[in-house]
């Protein structure tokens, strides 16, 4: 019994690897001892694993890659894009159609191209201030990010081309603005203005693509209202007068003019968000969040006042003889097809209720984070204000669509809010 206790005490004093080798001594000599030593060091049996011993499984590696690209593209901010085209379609008095869908696809591609290009251009700065981002952390190579930006830009322009030459022209200007901002302008005083121009052009892209896809292309003026004209022998015949809705290039120019006020509202909001984002890494600005908060309140008042300026039940686009563009702007002598309105005696009240609700959601989403950032201009609160400003674009787009007489489009845009909120918990929009 004593010799057994002595043997156990000797084994207990040995290192873990040699102790395992001694216990496994019944196997084939040094081979068994070598395996036991490796198992002891690698943590077989529940101890700490050796990270360099086992490579990640293919599934886990693919998951890391998807996560990296998700962060690079800021997928939670993607839900602020489709509302641009829907608000643009409502501004020109058209129901969303194939042109609107093409505009949404082009906008998504160009938006993601800008995200990839932004991180590629900021890779050295992010290595100091944001080392966790995909490129400085080594999860995505700079060449891959730049290549993705190029491919997505080409895809966006190709989709816009399918909607017609006017839409391609607007998309080309949008792509040029995005690349100019990411490569140079964002580090200058013109940065916020360039980003505001990009959002403005994005809404105009939706308006132009929707209007030009609706009008017949390449066939000149189409038949309009029939009028009685005297014929030979005292007879009377009906002739069709040319209709301006089909005459190129009037649809594209009319769409740009009609959607410009709504696009400028969205651009003004974007200008403020971009101005705040210039301080999200270091913080320290109180005046900028306060100024943007005042701008947010002013834009909300303008949207509501534009709707209250109309008579109950009057559409946003009265048609031939001058289009009400909102905010006191009119485009004389242009025909526009009115949007789909709610019908019934309670329709104007319901539309006004929706407009008030969407505008309130816009204020509630953007206002409190801006106020917090003004009171405490720390980087986390400033970043939260930027994220709130990005998410606030969705209810603003819904309010603009409803103000133009398309509450259905407004409801469709607002349906994106829960998705944006859910994705924002997983991937930051900034």
Protein backbone atom coordinates (compact mmCIF):
# COMPACT_ATOMS: atom_id res chain seq x y z
CA UNK A 1 0.00 0.00 0.00
CA UNK A 2 2.86 2.36 0.84
CA UNK A 3 4.59 1.76 -2.49
CA UNK A 4 1.35 2.63 -4.29
CA UNK A 5 1.08 5.93 -2.41
CA UNK A 6 4.72 6.72 -3.23
CA UNK A 7 4.13 6.00 -6.93
CA UNK A 8 1.08 8.27 -7.03
CA UNK A 9 3.03 11.09 -5.33
CA UNK A 10 5.85 10.77 -7.87
CA UNK A 11 3.35 10.87 -10.76
CA UNK A 12 1.68 13.91 -9.27
CA UNK A 13 4.99 15.77 -9.23
CA UNK A 14 5.59 15.14 -12.94
CA UNK A 15 4.59 17.70 -15.66
CA UNK A 16 1.22 17.19 -17.28
CA UNK A 17 2.63 15.88 -20.55
CA UNK A 18 5.01 13.37 -18.93
CA UNK A 19 2.26 12.32 -16.53
CA UNK A 20 0.00 11.54 -19.49
CA UNK A 21 2.85 9.70 -21.21
CA UNK A 22 3.43 7.57 -18.13
CA UNK A 23 -0.25 6.73 -17.87
CA UNK A 24 -0.28 5.82 -21.57
CA UNK A 25 2.94 3.80 -21.36
CA UNK A 26 1.11 0.63 -22.29
CA UNK A 27 0.91 1.90 -25.92
CA UNK A 28 3.76 1.85 -28.37
CA UNK A 29 6.59 3.65 -26.64
CA UNK A 30 7.55 7.18 -27.82
CA UNK A 31 4.73 7.45 -30.38
CA UNK A 32 2.11 7.16 -27.69
CA UNK A 33 3.99 9.51 -25.42
CA UNK A 34 4.32 12.12 -28.24
CA UNK A 35 0.58 12.10 -28.92
CA UNK A 36 -0.22 12.35 -25.24
CA UNK A 37 2.13 15.31 -24.89
CA UNK A 38 0.49 17.12 -27.82
CA UNK A 39 -2.99 16.46 -26.43
CA UNK A 40 -1.97 17.87 -23.09
CA UNK A 41 -0.65 21.06 -24.65
CA UNK A 42 -3.56 21.50 -27.05
CA UNK A 43 -6.21 21.18 -24.39
CA UNK A 44 -7.81 17.90 -25.37
CA UNK A 45 -10.27 16.97 -22.68
CA UNK A 46 -11.61 20.47 -21.89
CA UNK A 47 -8.56 22.64 -21.20
CA UNK A 48 -7.78 25.84 -23.14
CA UNK A 49 -7.44 25.20 -26.89
CA UNK A 50 -4.40 26.19 -28.88
CA UNK A 51 -5.56 28.80 -31.40
CA UNK A 52 -2.85 28.05 -33.95
CA UNK A 53 -3.40 24.34 -33.97
CA UNK A 54 -6.80 24.07 -35.64
CA UNK A 55 -7.80 26.29 -38.53
CA UNK A 56 -11.38 27.61 -38.62
CA UNK A 57 -13.85 25.42 -40.41
CA UNK A 58 -14.87 26.49 -43.94
CA UNK A 59 -18.34 27.48 -42.73
CA UNK A 60 -16.98 29.65 -39.96
CA UNK A 61 -14.54 31.26 -42.39
CA UNK A 62 -17.31 32.09 -44.85
CA UNK A 63 -19.30 33.57 -41.99
CA UNK A 64 -16.41 35.86 -41.09
CA UNK A 65 -16.12 36.96 -44.72
CA UNK A 66 -19.83 37.71 -44.98
CA UNK A 67 -19.67 39.66 -41.74
CA UNK A 68 -16.75 41.72 -43.02
CA UNK A 69 -18.50 42.64 -46.28
CA UNK A 70 -21.68 43.38 -44.35
CA UNK A 71 -19.78 45.89 -42.23
CA UNK A 72 -18.04 47.37 -45.26
CA UNK A 73 -21.34 47.93 -47.07
CA UNK A 74 -23.19 49.18 -43.94
CA UNK A 75 -26.22 47.08 -44.87
CA UNK A 76 -28.31 48.64 -42.11
CA UNK A 77 -28.10 51.97 -43.97
CA UNK A 78 -29.32 50.39 -47.23
CA UNK A 79 -32.94 50.74 -46.14
CA UNK A 80 -32.65 54.51 -46.47
CA UNK A 81 -32.16 54.19 -50.24
CA UNK A 82 -35.42 52.84 -51.81
CA UNK A 83 -37.45 55.73 -50.39
CA UNK A 84 -35.56 58.17 -52.62
CA UNK A 85 -37.00 56.64 -55.79
CA UNK A 86 -40.49 56.22 -54.30
CA UNK A 87 -40.55 59.84 -53.15
CA UNK A 88 -39.31 60.90 -56.58
CA UNK A 89 -42.06 58.93 -58.31
CA UNK A 90 -44.67 60.54 -56.07
CA UNK A 91 -43.24 63.99 -56.77
CA UNK A 92 -43.89 63.60 -60.51
CA UNK A 93 -47.38 62.24 -59.93
CA UNK A 94 -46.68 58.70 -61.15
CA UNK A 95 -47.35 55.36 -59.56
CA UNK A 96 -44.20 53.27 -59.00
CA UNK A 97 -43.40 51.12 -62.01
CA UNK A 98 -40.58 49.43 -63.86
CA UNK A 99 -38.60 52.65 -64.08
CA UNK A 100 -38.89 53.11 -60.32
CA UNK A 101 -37.61 49.57 -59.74
CA UNK A 102 -34.64 50.18 -62.04
CA UNK A 103 -33.89 53.43 -60.21
CA UNK A 104 -33.97 51.64 -56.86
CA UNK A 105 -31.55 49.00 -58.15
CA UNK A 106 -29.21 51.62 -59.56
CA UNK A 107 -29.32 53.63 -56.34
CA UNK A 108 -28.53 50.59 -54.20
CA UNK A 109 -25.53 49.73 -56.38
CA UNK A 110 -24.16 53.26 -56.38
CA UNK A 111 -24.74 53.61 -52.64
CA UNK A 112 -22.80 50.43 -51.90
CA UNK A 113 -20.08 51.48 -54.32
CA UNK A 114 -19.71 54.66 -52.30
CA UNK A 115 -19.46 52.71 -49.06
CA UNK A 116 -16.70 50.46 -50.38
CA UNK A 117 -14.84 53.37 -51.94
CA UNK A 118 -15.14 55.38 -48.72
CA UNK A 119 -13.40 52.71 -46.65
CA UNK A 120 -10.77 52.19 -49.35
CA UNK A 121 -9.95 55.90 -49.39
CA UNK A 122 -9.93 56.11 -45.57
CA UNK A 123 -7.92 52.93 -44.92
CA UNK A 124 -4.89 54.75 -43.50
CA UNK A 125 -6.98 57.05 -41.33
CA UNK A 126 -9.12 54.12 -40.14
CA UNK A 127 -5.99 52.20 -39.17
CA UNK A 128 -5.51 54.84 -36.44
CA UNK A 129 -9.05 55.88 -35.50
CA UNK A 130 -11.11 52.78 -36.42
CA UNK A 131 -8.80 49.75 -36.54
CA UNK A 132 -11.78 47.39 -36.19
CA UNK A 133 -13.12 48.22 -39.65
CA UNK A 134 -12.83 45.51 -42.32
CA UNK A 135 -9.89 46.93 -44.30
CA UNK A 136 -7.51 48.00 -41.48
CA UNK A 137 -8.31 44.81 -39.57
CA UNK A 138 -7.21 42.77 -42.59
CA UNK A 139 -10.52 41.02 -43.17
CA UNK A 140 -10.93 42.65 -46.60
CA UNK A 141 -8.04 43.68 -48.81
CA UNK A 142 -7.90 47.22 -50.21
CA UNK A 143 -7.84 45.90 -53.78
CA UNK A 144 -11.00 43.87 -53.18
CA UNK A 145 -12.83 46.91 -51.79
CA UNK A 146 -11.75 49.10 -54.72
CA UNK A 147 -12.74 46.39 -57.20
CA UNK A 148 -16.15 46.07 -55.58
CA UNK A 149 -16.66 49.83 -55.86
CA UNK A 150 -15.87 49.73 -59.57
CA UNK A 151 -18.12 46.75 -60.30
CA UNK A 152 -21.05 48.20 -58.35
CA UNK A 153 -20.69 51.56 -60.10
CA UNK A 154 -20.82 49.87 -63.50
CA UNK A 155 -23.85 47.82 -62.42
CA UNK A 156 -25.66 50.93 -61.19
CA UNK A 157 -25.08 52.77 -64.45
CA UNK A 158 -26.20 49.74 -66.44
CA UNK A 159 -29.48 49.57 -64.52
CA UNK A 160 -30.05 53.28 -64.99
CA UNK A 161 -29.42 52.93 -68.72
CA UNK A 162 -32.27 50.43 -68.90
CA UNK A 163 -34.57 53.20 -67.68
CA UNK A 164 -33.58 55.54 -70.52
CA UNK A 165 -31.00 58.14 -71.42
CA UNK A 166 -32.30 60.83 -69.03
CA UNK A 167 -32.04 58.44 -66.10
CA UNK A 168 -28.55 57.42 -67.22
CA UNK A 169 -27.51 61.08 -67.34
CA UNK A 170 -28.70 61.65 -63.77
CA UNK A 171 -27.08 58.41 -62.59
CA UNK A 172 -23.79 59.41 -64.21
CA UNK A 173 -23.85 62.69 -62.31
CA UNK A 174 -24.65 60.79 -59.12
CA UNK A 175 -21.77 58.34 -59.64
CA UNK A 176 -19.34 61.18 -60.37
CA UNK A 177 -20.45 62.97 -57.21
CA UNK A 178 -19.98 59.83 -55.11
CA UNK A 179 -16.46 59.18 -56.41
CA UNK A 180 -15.47 62.84 -56.10
CA UNK A 181 -16.71 62.94 -52.51
CA UNK A 182 -14.94 59.76 -51.40
CA UNK A 183 -11.64 60.48 -53.13
CA UNK A 184 -11.26 64.17 -52.31
CA UNK A 185 -14.21 66.35 -51.37
CA UNK A 186 -15.07 64.80 -48.02
CA UNK A 187 -11.86 66.17 -46.52
CA UNK A 188 -12.70 69.68 -47.72
CA UNK A 189 -15.33 72.23 -46.76
CA UNK A 190 -17.34 71.12 -49.78
CA UNK A 191 -17.84 67.64 -48.31
CA UNK A 192 -21.33 68.09 -46.82
CA UNK A 193 -22.51 69.89 -49.97
CA UNK A 194 -21.25 67.04 -52.15
CA UNK A 195 -23.03 64.43 -50.07
CA UNK A 196 -26.21 66.53 -50.11
CA UNK A 197 -25.94 66.74 -53.90
CA UNK A 198 -25.67 62.95 -54.09
CA UNK A 199 -28.92 62.45 -52.15
CA UNK A 200 -30.62 65.13 -54.20
CA UNK A 201 -29.59 63.43 -57.42
CA UNK A 202 -30.73 60.07 -56.07
CA UNK A 203 -34.30 61.31 -55.62
CA UNK A 204 -34.17 62.99 -59.04
CA UNK A 205 -33.02 59.67 -60.50
CA UNK A 206 -36.18 57.99 -59.25
CA UNK A 207 -38.34 60.80 -60.60
CA UNK A 208 -36.68 60.81 -64.02
CA UNK A 209 -36.65 57.03 -64.43
CA UNK A 210 -40.31 56.77 -63.43
CA UNK A 211 -41.49 59.58 -65.71
CA UNK A 212 -39.48 58.63 -68.79
CA UNK A 213 -40.38 54.94 -68.58
CA UNK A 214 -44.07 55.89 -68.45
CA UNK A 215 -43.96 58.15 -71.49
CA UNK A 216 -43.57 56.56 -74.95
CA UNK A 217 -39.99 56.78 -76.14
CA UNK A 218 -38.83 57.67 -79.62
CA UNK A 219 -42.26 58.18 -81.20
CA UNK A 220 -42.68 61.93 -80.80
CA UNK A 221 -45.88 63.56 -79.60
CA UNK A 222 -48.74 61.18 -78.99
CA UNK A 223 -52.46 61.71 -79.56
CA UNK A 224 -54.21 63.93 -77.05
CA UNK A 225 -57.73 65.26 -76.64
CA UNK A 226 -59.88 65.03 -79.77
CA UNK A 227 -61.24 68.34 -81.08
CA UNK A 228 -63.82 69.14 -83.77
CA UNK A 229 -62.42 70.69 -86.96
CA UNK A 230 -64.27 71.68 -90.15
CA UNK A 231 -63.66 69.42 -93.12
CA UNK A 232 -64.34 69.56 -96.83
CA UNK A 233 -67.91 69.89 -97.99
CA UNK A 234 -69.09 71.28 -94.69
CA UNK A 235 -68.38 68.06 -92.79
CA UNK A 236 -66.96 68.01 -89.27
CA UNK A 237 -64.19 65.61 -88.28
CA UNK A 238 -62.43 64.84 -85.03
CA UNK A 239 -58.65 65.29 -84.93
CA UNK A 240 -56.20 64.54 -82.12
CA UNK A 241 -54.13 67.41 -80.85
CA UNK A 242 -50.53 66.66 -79.80
CA UNK A 243 -50.15 65.83 -76.13
CA UNK A 244 -47.09 67.21 -74.33
CA UNK A 245 -46.84 64.16 -72.07
CA UNK A 246 -45.21 62.11 -74.84
CA UNK A 247 -43.05 64.76 -76.41
CA UNK A 248 -39.35 64.24 -75.68
CA UNK A 249 -37.50 65.66 -73.85
CA UNK A 250 -40.32 67.34 -71.90
CA UNK A 251 -41.00 64.35 -69.57
CA UNK A 252 -37.40 64.33 -68.26
CA UNK A 253 -37.20 68.09 -67.80
CA UNK A 254 -40.63 68.16 -66.20
CA UNK A 255 -39.70 65.36 -63.84
CA UNK A 256 -36.56 67.18 -62.70
CA UNK A 257 -38.50 70.40 -62.10
CA UNK A 258 -41.35 68.65 -60.31
CA UNK A 259 -39.14 66.61 -57.99
CA UNK A 260 -36.60 69.33 -57.25
CA UNK A 261 -38.29 70.78 -54.11
CA UNK A 262 -38.57 67.35 -52.45
CA UNK A 263 -35.00 66.53 -53.50
CA UNK A 264 -33.73 69.75 -51.95
CA UNK A 265 -35.46 68.93 -48.65
CA UNK A 266 -33.76 65.54 -48.57
CA UNK A 267 -30.46 67.15 -49.59
CA UNK A 268 -30.69 69.68 -46.76
CA UNK A 269 -31.19 66.89 -44.25
CA UNK A 270 -28.23 65.00 -45.73
CA UNK A 271 -26.06 68.10 -45.49
CA UNK A 272 -26.72 68.28 -41.76
CA UNK A 273 -26.04 64.60 -41.13
CA UNK A 274 -22.77 64.81 -43.06
CA UNK A 275 -21.71 67.91 -41.13
CA UNK A 276 -22.23 66.05 -37.86
CA UNK A 277 -20.40 62.96 -39.14
CA UNK A 278 -17.21 64.97 -39.65
CA UNK A 279 -16.84 64.99 -35.83
CA UNK A 280 -17.84 61.38 -35.09
CA UNK A 281 -14.27 60.15 -34.57
CA UNK A 282 -13.04 62.88 -32.21
CA UNK A 283 -16.28 64.58 -31.09
CA UNK A 284 -16.06 68.00 -29.49
CA UNK A 285 -18.64 69.93 -31.56
CA UNK A 286 -21.70 71.41 -29.85
CA UNK A 287 -22.71 74.08 -32.35
CA UNK A 288 -23.06 71.69 -35.31
CA UNK A 289 -25.57 69.28 -33.69
CA UNK A 290 -27.59 72.26 -32.44
CA UNK A 291 -27.67 73.83 -35.91
CA UNK A 292 -28.69 70.54 -37.50
CA UNK A 293 -31.40 70.08 -34.88
CA UNK A 294 -32.82 73.49 -35.80
CA UNK A 295 -32.64 72.54 -39.48
CA UNK A 296 -34.51 69.33 -38.78
CA UNK A 297 -37.31 71.23 -37.08
CA UNK A 298 -37.44 73.72 -39.94
CA UNK A 299 -37.67 71.00 -42.59
CA UNK A 300 -40.50 69.35 -40.69
CA UNK A 301 -42.42 72.61 -40.55
CA UNK A 302 -41.92 73.15 -44.29
CA UNK A 303 -43.27 69.71 -45.17
CA UNK A 304 -46.35 70.17 -43.02
CA UNK A 305 -46.95 73.73 -44.21
CA UNK A 306 -46.77 72.69 -47.86
CA UNK A 307 -49.57 70.20 -47.30
CA UNK A 308 -51.73 72.61 -45.32
CA UNK A 309 -51.42 75.15 -48.13
CA UNK A 310 -53.64 73.02 -50.40
CA UNK A 311 -57.38 72.81 -50.35
CA UNK A 312 -58.79 69.57 -48.91
CA UNK A 313 -58.71 66.83 -51.50
CA UNK A 314 -56.67 68.83 -54.00
CA UNK A 315 -53.94 66.68 -55.58
CA UNK A 316 -50.34 67.70 -55.52
CA UNK A 317 -50.29 67.75 -59.33
CA UNK A 318 -53.29 69.52 -60.82
CA UNK A 319 -52.26 68.61 -64.37
CA UNK A 320 -52.37 70.82 -67.45
CA UNK A 321 -51.95 74.49 -66.83
CA UNK A 322 -49.32 74.54 -64.09
CA UNK A 323 -48.06 71.98 -61.58
CA UNK A 324 -47.86 72.78 -57.90
CA UNK A 325 -44.37 71.70 -56.90
CA UNK A 326 -44.73 72.59 -53.25
CA UNK A 327 -43.06 75.37 -51.25
CA UNK A 328 -44.45 78.02 -53.61
CA UNK A 329 -42.74 76.67 -56.76
CA UNK A 330 -44.69 76.05 -59.96
CA UNK A 331 -43.84 74.74 -63.38
CA UNK A 332 -46.10 76.38 -65.95
CA UNK A 333 -47.55 74.62 -68.95
CA UNK A 334 -46.55 71.05 -68.10
CA UNK A 335 -48.82 68.06 -68.02
CA UNK A 336 -48.41 65.49 -65.28
CA UNK A 337 -50.50 62.49 -64.51
CA UNK A 338 -51.90 62.72 -60.98
CA UNK A 339 -50.86 60.10 -58.42
CA UNK A 340 -53.15 57.50 -56.95
CA UNK A 341 -55.11 59.19 -54.14
CA UNK A 342 -57.17 57.74 -51.37
CA UNK A 343 -60.88 58.04 -52.14
CA UNK A 344 -63.82 58.69 -49.87
CA UNK A 345 -64.92 61.50 -47.62
CA UNK A 346 -62.23 60.75 -45.03
CA UNK A 347 -59.36 60.50 -47.55
CA UNK A 348 -57.95 64.05 -47.03
CA UNK A 349 -58.10 63.69 -43.26
CA UNK A 350 -56.39 60.29 -43.39
CA UNK A 351 -53.66 61.60 -45.67
CA UNK A 352 -53.06 64.56 -43.36
CA UNK A 353 -52.95 62.21 -40.39
CA UNK A 354 -50.36 60.01 -42.10
CA UNK A 355 -48.29 63.03 -43.07
CA UNK A 356 -48.31 64.29 -39.48
CA UNK A 357 -47.36 60.84 -38.17
CA UNK A 358 -44.49 60.42 -40.64
CA UNK A 359 -43.15 63.90 -39.95
CA UNK A 360 -43.36 63.24 -36.21
CA UNK A 361 -41.43 60.00 -36.68
CA UNK A 362 -38.78 61.95 -38.56
CA UNK A 363 -38.42 64.42 -35.70
CA UNK A 364 -38.44 61.68 -33.08
CA UNK A 365 -35.73 59.69 -34.89
CA UNK A 366 -33.33 62.53 -35.64
CA UNK A 367 -34.02 65.02 -32.84
CA UNK A 368 -33.11 63.33 -29.52
CA UNK A 369 -29.71 61.96 -30.68
CA UNK A 370 -28.79 65.40 -31.99
CA UNK A 371 -29.76 67.00 -28.69
CA UNK A 372 -27.71 64.46 -26.74
CA UNK A 373 -24.71 65.06 -29.00
CA UNK A 374 -25.04 68.80 -28.44
CA UNK A 375 -25.16 68.41 -24.66
CA UNK A 376 -22.30 65.90 -24.60
CA UNK A 377 -20.28 65.99 -27.85
CA UNK A 378 -18.42 62.73 -27.21
CA UNK A 379 -17.59 60.39 -30.11
CA UNK A 380 -20.16 57.71 -29.10
CA UNK A 381 -23.03 60.20 -28.85
CA UNK A 382 -21.94 61.93 -32.05
CA UNK A 383 -21.92 58.60 -33.86
CA UNK A 384 -25.36 57.88 -32.46
CA UNK A 385 -26.58 61.21 -33.83
CA UNK A 386 -25.22 60.30 -37.27
CA UNK A 387 -26.93 56.92 -37.14
CA UNK A 388 -30.20 58.56 -36.10
CA UNK A 389 -29.90 61.02 -38.97
CA UNK A 390 -29.43 58.20 -41.46
CA UNK A 391 -32.44 56.27 -40.14
CA UNK A 392 -34.51 59.49 -40.07
CA UNK A 393 -34.26 59.67 -43.86
CA UNK A 394 -36.86 56.89 -44.08
CA UNK A 395 -39.74 58.72 -42.36
CA UNK A 396 -38.71 61.91 -44.18
CA UNK A 397 -39.03 60.12 -47.51
CA UNK A 398 -42.40 58.74 -46.42
CA UNK A 399 -43.56 62.24 -45.47
CA UNK A 400 -42.43 63.65 -48.83
CA UNK A 401 -44.27 60.92 -50.73
CA UNK A 402 -47.43 61.47 -48.69
CA UNK A 403 -47.20 65.24 -49.12
CA UNK A 404 -47.10 64.68 -52.89
CA UNK A 405 -50.36 62.73 -52.71
CA UNK A 406 -49.06 59.13 -52.54
CA UNK A 407 -49.81 57.86 -49.01
CA UNK A 408 -49.49 54.28 -50.22
CA UNK A 409 -45.87 54.89 -51.16
CA UNK A 410 -45.37 56.56 -47.79
CA UNK A 411 -46.66 53.50 -45.98
CA UNK A 412 -44.42 51.26 -48.11
CA UNK A 413 -41.38 53.35 -47.20
CA UNK A 414 -42.25 53.31 -43.50
CA UNK A 415 -42.43 49.51 -43.63
CA UNK A 416 -38.63 49.60 -43.97
CA UNK A 417 -38.17 51.15 -40.52
CA UNK A 418 -38.35 47.88 -38.51
CA UNK A 419 -35.84 46.25 -40.87
CA UNK A 420 -33.45 49.17 -40.61
CA UNK A 421 -33.74 49.15 -36.81
CA UNK A 422 -33.17 45.40 -36.63
CA UNK A 423 -30.08 45.49 -38.85
CA UNK A 424 -28.70 48.55 -37.05
CA UNK A 425 -28.44 46.45 -33.87
CA UNK A 426 -26.09 44.08 -35.71
CA UNK A 427 -24.19 46.37 -38.07
CA UNK A 428 -23.58 50.06 -37.44
CA UNK A 429 -24.85 52.36 -40.23
CA UNK A 430 -21.88 54.70 -39.73
